[in-house]
């Protein structure tokens, strides 16, 4: 932002007849620059939030579709299939595995 402020001050000095810069005008330029910068930051934050929400929604949709796909496949095979999570806990058991191991769910 310092570069932006610096450019605006130089521009303002060039417009001045004697190259001077009144304090009031300087303060006005500084205030305006900060307001513009804050507005741009707010827009960027909102944009990032929206993109994040879209990515999270897409990720959820992909996960649900993947789970449905895997469930359809494991439910249609005659082999027993048991899936485990990274902690070693059972995540799912297909009907064939239930029958083979005599498990009731």
N, C-alpha and C. Protein backbone atom coordinates (compact mmCIF):
# COMPACT_ATOMS: atom_id res chain seq x y z
N UNK A 1 0.82 -1.18 0.00
CA UNK A 1 0.00 0.00 0.00
C UNK A 1 0.87 1.26 0.00
N UNK A 2 2.05 1.17 0.56
CA UNK A 2 2.93 2.34 0.60
C UNK A 2 3.24 2.84 -0.80
N UNK A 3 3.41 1.93 -1.74
CA UNK A 3 3.71 2.33 -3.12
C UNK A 3 2.52 3.07 -3.72
N UNK A 4 1.32 2.58 -3.44
CA UNK A 4 0.11 3.25 -3.93
C UNK A 4 0.01 4.66 -3.36
N UNK A 5 0.23 4.79 -2.08
CA UNK A 5 0.18 6.10 -1.43
C UNK A 5 1.26 7.02 -2.00
N UNK A 6 2.42 6.49 -2.18
CA UNK A 6 3.53 7.27 -2.73
C UNK A 6 3.20 7.79 -4.13
N UNK A 7 2.60 6.91 -4.97
CA UNK A 7 2.23 7.34 -6.32
C UNK A 7 1.17 8.43 -6.28
N UNK A 8 0.19 8.30 -5.39
CA UNK A 8 -0.86 9.30 -5.32
C UNK A 8 -0.32 10.65 -4.84
N UNK A 9 0.59 10.63 -3.91
CA UNK A 9 1.19 11.88 -3.42
C UNK A 9 2.00 12.55 -4.54
N UNK A 10 2.80 11.78 -5.28
CA UNK A 10 3.57 12.33 -6.39
C UNK A 10 2.64 12.93 -7.44
N UNK A 11 1.55 12.24 -7.73
CA UNK A 11 0.57 12.72 -8.70
C UNK A 11 -0.03 14.05 -8.23
N UNK A 12 -0.36 14.12 -6.96
CA UNK A 12 -0.93 15.33 -6.39
C UNK A 12 0.06 16.49 -6.44
N UNK A 13 1.34 16.21 -6.18
CA UNK A 13 2.38 17.26 -6.24
C UNK A 13 2.53 17.79 -7.66
N UNK A 14 2.46 16.89 -8.64
CA UNK A 14 2.60 17.32 -10.04
C UNK A 14 1.45 18.25 -10.43
N UNK A 15 0.27 18.00 -9.87
CA UNK A 15 -0.88 18.84 -10.18
C UNK A 15 -0.78 20.21 -9.53
N UNK A 16 -0.05 20.29 -8.43
CA UNK A 16 0.11 21.56 -7.72
C UNK A 16 1.00 22.48 -8.53
N UNK A 17 0.66 23.77 -8.56
CA UNK A 17 1.41 24.75 -9.35
C UNK A 17 2.86 24.90 -8.87
N UNK A 18 3.07 24.93 -7.55
CA UNK A 18 4.42 25.15 -7.03
C UNK A 18 5.07 23.87 -6.51
N UNK A 19 4.43 22.74 -6.67
CA UNK A 19 5.01 21.47 -6.21
C UNK A 19 4.84 21.21 -4.73
N UNK A 20 4.12 22.11 -4.04
CA UNK A 20 3.91 21.91 -2.60
C UNK A 20 2.68 21.03 -2.38
N UNK A 21 2.56 20.58 -1.17
CA UNK A 21 1.44 19.70 -0.84
C UNK A 21 0.86 20.13 0.50
N UNK A 22 -0.32 20.77 0.50
CA UNK A 22 -0.92 21.20 1.76
C UNK A 22 -1.21 20.00 2.66
N UNK A 23 -1.07 20.20 3.96
CA UNK A 23 -1.28 19.13 4.94
C UNK A 23 -2.68 18.55 4.83
N UNK A 24 -3.68 19.40 4.67
CA UNK A 24 -5.07 18.93 4.59
C UNK A 24 -5.25 18.00 3.39
N UNK A 25 -4.67 18.39 2.29
CA UNK A 25 -4.79 17.58 1.07
C UNK A 25 -4.04 16.27 1.26
N UNK A 26 -2.88 16.31 1.90
CA UNK A 26 -2.11 15.11 2.17
C UNK A 26 -2.92 14.14 3.04
N UNK A 27 -3.53 14.66 4.09
CA UNK A 27 -4.34 13.82 4.97
C UNK A 27 -5.53 13.23 4.23
N UNK A 28 -6.11 14.01 3.34
CA UNK A 28 -7.24 13.53 2.54
C UNK A 28 -6.80 12.37 1.63
N UNK A 29 -5.64 12.54 1.00
CA UNK A 29 -5.11 11.49 0.12
C UNK A 29 -4.81 10.22 0.92
N UNK A 30 -4.21 10.39 2.08
CA UNK A 30 -3.89 9.24 2.94
C UNK A 30 -5.18 8.52 3.35
N UNK A 31 -6.16 9.27 3.78
CA UNK A 31 -7.43 8.69 4.21
C UNK A 31 -8.11 7.95 3.06
N UNK A 32 -8.14 8.57 1.91
CA UNK A 32 -8.76 7.95 0.74
C UNK A 32 -8.02 6.67 0.35
N UNK A 33 -6.71 6.71 0.40
CA UNK A 33 -5.91 5.54 0.05
C UNK A 33 -6.20 4.38 1.00
N UNK A 34 -6.27 4.66 2.28
CA UNK A 34 -6.56 3.61 3.26
C UNK A 34 -7.98 3.07 3.08
N UNK A 35 -8.93 3.95 2.79
CA UNK A 35 -10.31 3.49 2.56
C UNK A 35 -10.38 2.57 1.35
N UNK A 36 -9.72 2.96 0.28
CA UNK A 36 -9.70 2.12 -0.93
C UNK A 36 -9.03 0.78 -0.66
N UNK A 37 -7.95 0.83 0.09
CA UNK A 37 -7.23 -0.39 0.43
C UNK A 37 -8.10 -1.31 1.29
N UNK A 38 -8.79 -0.73 2.27
CA UNK A 38 -9.68 -1.52 3.13
C UNK A 38 -10.81 -2.14 2.33
N UNK A 39 -11.37 -1.39 1.40
CA UNK A 39 -12.46 -1.90 0.57
C UNK A 39 -11.97 -3.06 -0.30
N UNK A 40 -10.79 -2.91 -0.87
CA UNK A 40 -10.23 -3.98 -1.69
C UNK A 40 -9.96 -5.23 -0.84
N UNK A 41 -9.46 -5.03 0.38
CA UNK A 41 -9.20 -6.15 1.29
C UNK A 41 -10.51 -6.87 1.63
N UNK A 42 -11.57 -6.09 1.90
CA UNK A 42 -12.87 -6.70 2.22
C UNK A 42 -13.40 -7.51 1.03
N UNK A 43 -13.25 -6.97 -0.16
CA UNK A 43 -13.69 -7.70 -1.36
C UNK A 43 -12.90 -8.99 -1.53
N UNK A 44 -11.59 -8.93 -1.31
CA UNK A 44 -10.75 -10.12 -1.43
C UNK A 44 -11.13 -11.17 -0.39
N UNK A 45 -11.38 -10.73 0.84
CA UNK A 45 -11.77 -11.66 1.91
C UNK A 45 -13.10 -12.32 1.58
N UNK A 46 -14.05 -11.54 1.07
CA UNK A 46 -15.36 -12.10 0.70
C UNK A 46 -15.21 -13.10 -0.44
N UNK A 47 -14.40 -12.75 -1.41
CA UNK A 47 -14.17 -13.64 -2.54
C UNK A 47 -13.52 -14.95 -2.07
N UNK A 48 -12.54 -14.84 -1.19
CA UNK A 48 -11.88 -16.05 -0.67
C UNK A 48 -12.86 -16.90 0.13
N UNK A 49 -13.73 -16.27 0.90
CA UNK A 49 -14.72 -17.01 1.68
C UNK A 49 -15.67 -17.76 0.75
N UNK A 50 -16.14 -17.08 -0.30
CA UNK A 50 -17.04 -17.73 -1.25
C UNK A 50 -16.36 -18.89 -1.96
N UNK A 51 -15.11 -18.70 -2.36
CA UNK A 51 -14.38 -19.78 -3.03
C UNK A 51 -14.19 -20.95 -2.08
N UNK A 52 -13.87 -20.66 -0.83
CA UNK A 52 -13.69 -21.71 0.17
C UNK A 52 -14.98 -22.50 0.35
N UNK A 53 -16.11 -21.79 0.45
CA UNK A 53 -17.40 -22.47 0.59
C UNK A 53 -17.71 -23.34 -0.62
N UNK A 54 -17.40 -22.84 -1.81
CA UNK A 54 -17.63 -23.60 -3.03
C UNK A 54 -16.76 -24.86 -3.07
N UNK A 55 -15.51 -24.72 -2.68
CA UNK A 55 -14.60 -25.87 -2.66
C UNK A 55 -15.07 -26.91 -1.65
N UNK A 56 -15.51 -26.44 -0.47
CA UNK A 56 -15.99 -27.37 0.55
C UNK A 56 -17.25 -28.10 0.07
N UNK A 57 -18.16 -27.39 -0.58
CA UNK A 57 -19.38 -28.01 -1.10
C UNK A 57 -19.04 -29.02 -2.19
N UNK A 58 -18.12 -28.67 -3.06
CA UNK A 58 -17.70 -29.58 -4.13
C UNK A 58 -17.03 -30.82 -3.54
N UNK A 59 -16.18 -30.61 -2.53
CA UNK A 59 -15.52 -31.73 -1.87
C UNK A 59 -16.54 -32.67 -1.24
N UNK A 60 -17.55 -32.10 -0.59
CA UNK A 60 -18.60 -32.92 0.03
C UNK A 60 -19.36 -33.71 -1.03
N UNK A 61 -19.68 -33.06 -2.13
CA UNK A 61 -20.39 -33.74 -3.22
C UNK A 61 -19.56 -34.89 -3.79
N UNK A 62 -18.29 -34.65 -4.00
CA UNK A 62 -17.40 -35.69 -4.53
C UNK A 62 -17.30 -36.85 -3.56
N UNK A 63 -17.18 -36.54 -2.27
CA UNK A 63 -17.09 -37.58 -1.26
C UNK A 63 -18.37 -38.43 -1.24
N UNK A 64 -19.53 -37.78 -1.28
CA UNK A 64 -20.80 -38.51 -1.28
C UNK A 64 -20.93 -39.40 -2.51
N UNK A 65 -20.55 -38.86 -3.68
CA UNK A 65 -20.61 -39.64 -4.91
C UNK A 65 -19.66 -40.83 -4.86
N UNK A 66 -18.47 -40.62 -4.29
CA UNK A 66 -17.50 -41.70 -4.16
C UNK A 66 -18.02 -42.79 -3.24
N UNK A 67 -18.61 -42.38 -2.12
CA UNK A 67 -19.16 -43.36 -1.19
C UNK A 67 -20.29 -44.16 -1.83
N UNK A 68 -21.13 -43.50 -2.59
CA UNK A 68 -22.22 -44.18 -3.28
C UNK A 68 -21.66 -45.16 -4.30
N UNK A 69 -20.66 -44.73 -5.04
CA UNK A 69 -20.02 -45.57 -6.06
C UNK A 69 -19.41 -46.82 -5.43
N UNK A 70 -18.63 -46.62 -4.37
CA UNK A 70 -17.99 -47.75 -3.69
C UNK A 70 -19.04 -48.67 -3.08
N UNK A 71 -20.05 -48.11 -2.49
CA UNK A 71 -21.12 -48.90 -1.89
C UNK A 71 -21.84 -49.74 -2.94
N UNK A 72 -22.07 -49.16 -4.09
CA UNK A 72 -22.73 -49.90 -5.18
C UNK A 72 -21.87 -51.07 -5.63
N UNK A 73 -20.59 -50.82 -5.77
CA UNK A 73 -19.68 -51.88 -6.22
C UNK A 73 -19.58 -52.98 -5.17
N UNK A 74 -19.32 -52.61 -3.92
CA UNK A 74 -19.14 -53.64 -2.88
C UNK A 74 -20.44 -54.40 -2.61
N UNK A 75 -21.57 -53.76 -2.82
CA UNK A 75 -22.85 -54.43 -2.61
C UNK A 75 -23.21 -55.41 -3.72
N UNK A 76 -22.58 -55.27 -4.87
CA UNK A 76 -22.96 -56.11 -6.01
C UNK A 76 -22.00 -57.28 -6.26
N UNK A 77 -20.91 -57.37 -5.52
CA UNK A 77 -19.97 -58.48 -5.74
C UNK A 77 -20.30 -59.63 -4.79
N UNK A 78 -19.86 -60.84 -5.20
CA UNK A 78 -20.14 -62.01 -4.34
C UNK A 78 -19.05 -62.23 -3.30
N UNK A 79 -17.93 -61.56 -3.45
CA UNK A 79 -16.85 -61.68 -2.48
C UNK A 79 -17.18 -60.88 -1.22
N UNK A 80 -16.69 -61.34 -0.10
CA UNK A 80 -16.85 -60.60 1.14
C UNK A 80 -15.87 -59.45 1.20
N UNK A 81 -16.36 -58.28 1.48
CA UNK A 81 -15.50 -57.10 1.54
C UNK A 81 -15.74 -56.37 2.86
N UNK A 82 -14.65 -56.14 3.58
CA UNK A 82 -14.69 -55.37 4.82
C UNK A 82 -13.69 -54.23 4.66
N UNK A 83 -14.11 -53.01 4.93
CA UNK A 83 -13.19 -51.88 4.84
C UNK A 83 -12.91 -51.35 6.24
N UNK A 84 -11.68 -50.88 6.40
CA UNK A 84 -11.22 -50.36 7.69
C UNK A 84 -10.76 -48.92 7.53
N UNK A 85 -10.90 -48.14 8.59
CA UNK A 85 -10.39 -46.77 8.57
C UNK A 85 -8.90 -46.79 8.92
N UNK A 86 -8.28 -45.65 8.89
CA UNK A 86 -6.84 -45.55 9.18
C UNK A 86 -6.50 -45.95 10.61
N UNK A 87 -7.49 -46.00 11.49
CA UNK A 87 -7.26 -46.42 12.87
C UNK A 87 -7.47 -47.92 13.07
N UNK A 88 -7.83 -48.60 12.01
CA UNK A 88 -8.04 -50.04 12.08
C UNK A 88 -9.46 -50.43 12.47
N UNK A 89 -10.36 -49.48 12.52
CA UNK A 89 -11.76 -49.77 12.86
C UNK A 89 -12.55 -50.11 11.60
N UNK A 90 -13.51 -51.00 11.74
CA UNK A 90 -14.34 -51.39 10.60
C UNK A 90 -15.20 -50.20 10.16
N UNK A 91 -15.13 -49.91 8.87
CA UNK A 91 -15.95 -48.84 8.30
C UNK A 91 -17.20 -49.40 7.66
N UNK A 92 -17.04 -50.48 6.92
CA UNK A 92 -18.20 -51.06 6.25
C UNK A 92 -17.97 -52.55 6.00
N UNK A 93 -19.09 -53.25 5.91
CA UNK A 93 -19.09 -54.69 5.61
C UNK A 93 -20.19 -54.92 4.58
N UNK A 94 -19.84 -55.59 3.47
CA UNK A 94 -20.89 -55.85 2.50
C UNK A 94 -21.69 -57.09 2.90
N UNK A 95 -22.79 -57.32 2.20
CA UNK A 95 -23.68 -58.43 2.55
C UNK A 95 -22.97 -59.78 2.47
N UNK A 96 -22.12 -59.95 1.49
CA UNK A 96 -21.40 -61.22 1.35
C UNK A 96 -20.51 -61.48 2.56
N UNK A 97 -19.82 -60.46 3.05
CA UNK A 97 -18.97 -60.62 4.24
C UNK A 97 -19.82 -60.92 5.45
N UNK A 98 -20.97 -60.28 5.56
CA UNK A 98 -21.88 -60.58 6.68
C UNK A 98 -22.29 -62.05 6.67
N UNK A 99 -22.57 -62.55 5.46
CA UNK A 99 -22.98 -63.96 5.33
C UNK A 99 -21.82 -64.90 5.64
N UNK A 100 -20.64 -64.60 5.10
CA UNK A 100 -19.46 -65.45 5.30
C UNK A 100 -19.08 -65.52 6.78
N UNK A 101 -19.06 -64.37 7.44
CA UNK A 101 -18.64 -64.32 8.85
C UNK A 101 -19.81 -64.41 9.83
N UNK A 102 -21.00 -64.61 9.28
CA UNK A 102 -22.21 -64.73 10.10
C UNK A 102 -22.36 -63.52 11.04
N UNK A 103 -22.27 -62.35 10.43
CA UNK A 103 -22.42 -61.09 11.16
C UNK A 103 -23.81 -60.54 10.85
N UNK A 104 -24.48 -60.05 11.85
CA UNK A 104 -25.77 -59.39 11.62
C UNK A 104 -25.61 -57.91 11.95
N UNK A 105 -26.15 -57.09 11.08
CA UNK A 105 -26.01 -55.64 11.31
C UNK A 105 -27.32 -55.02 11.73
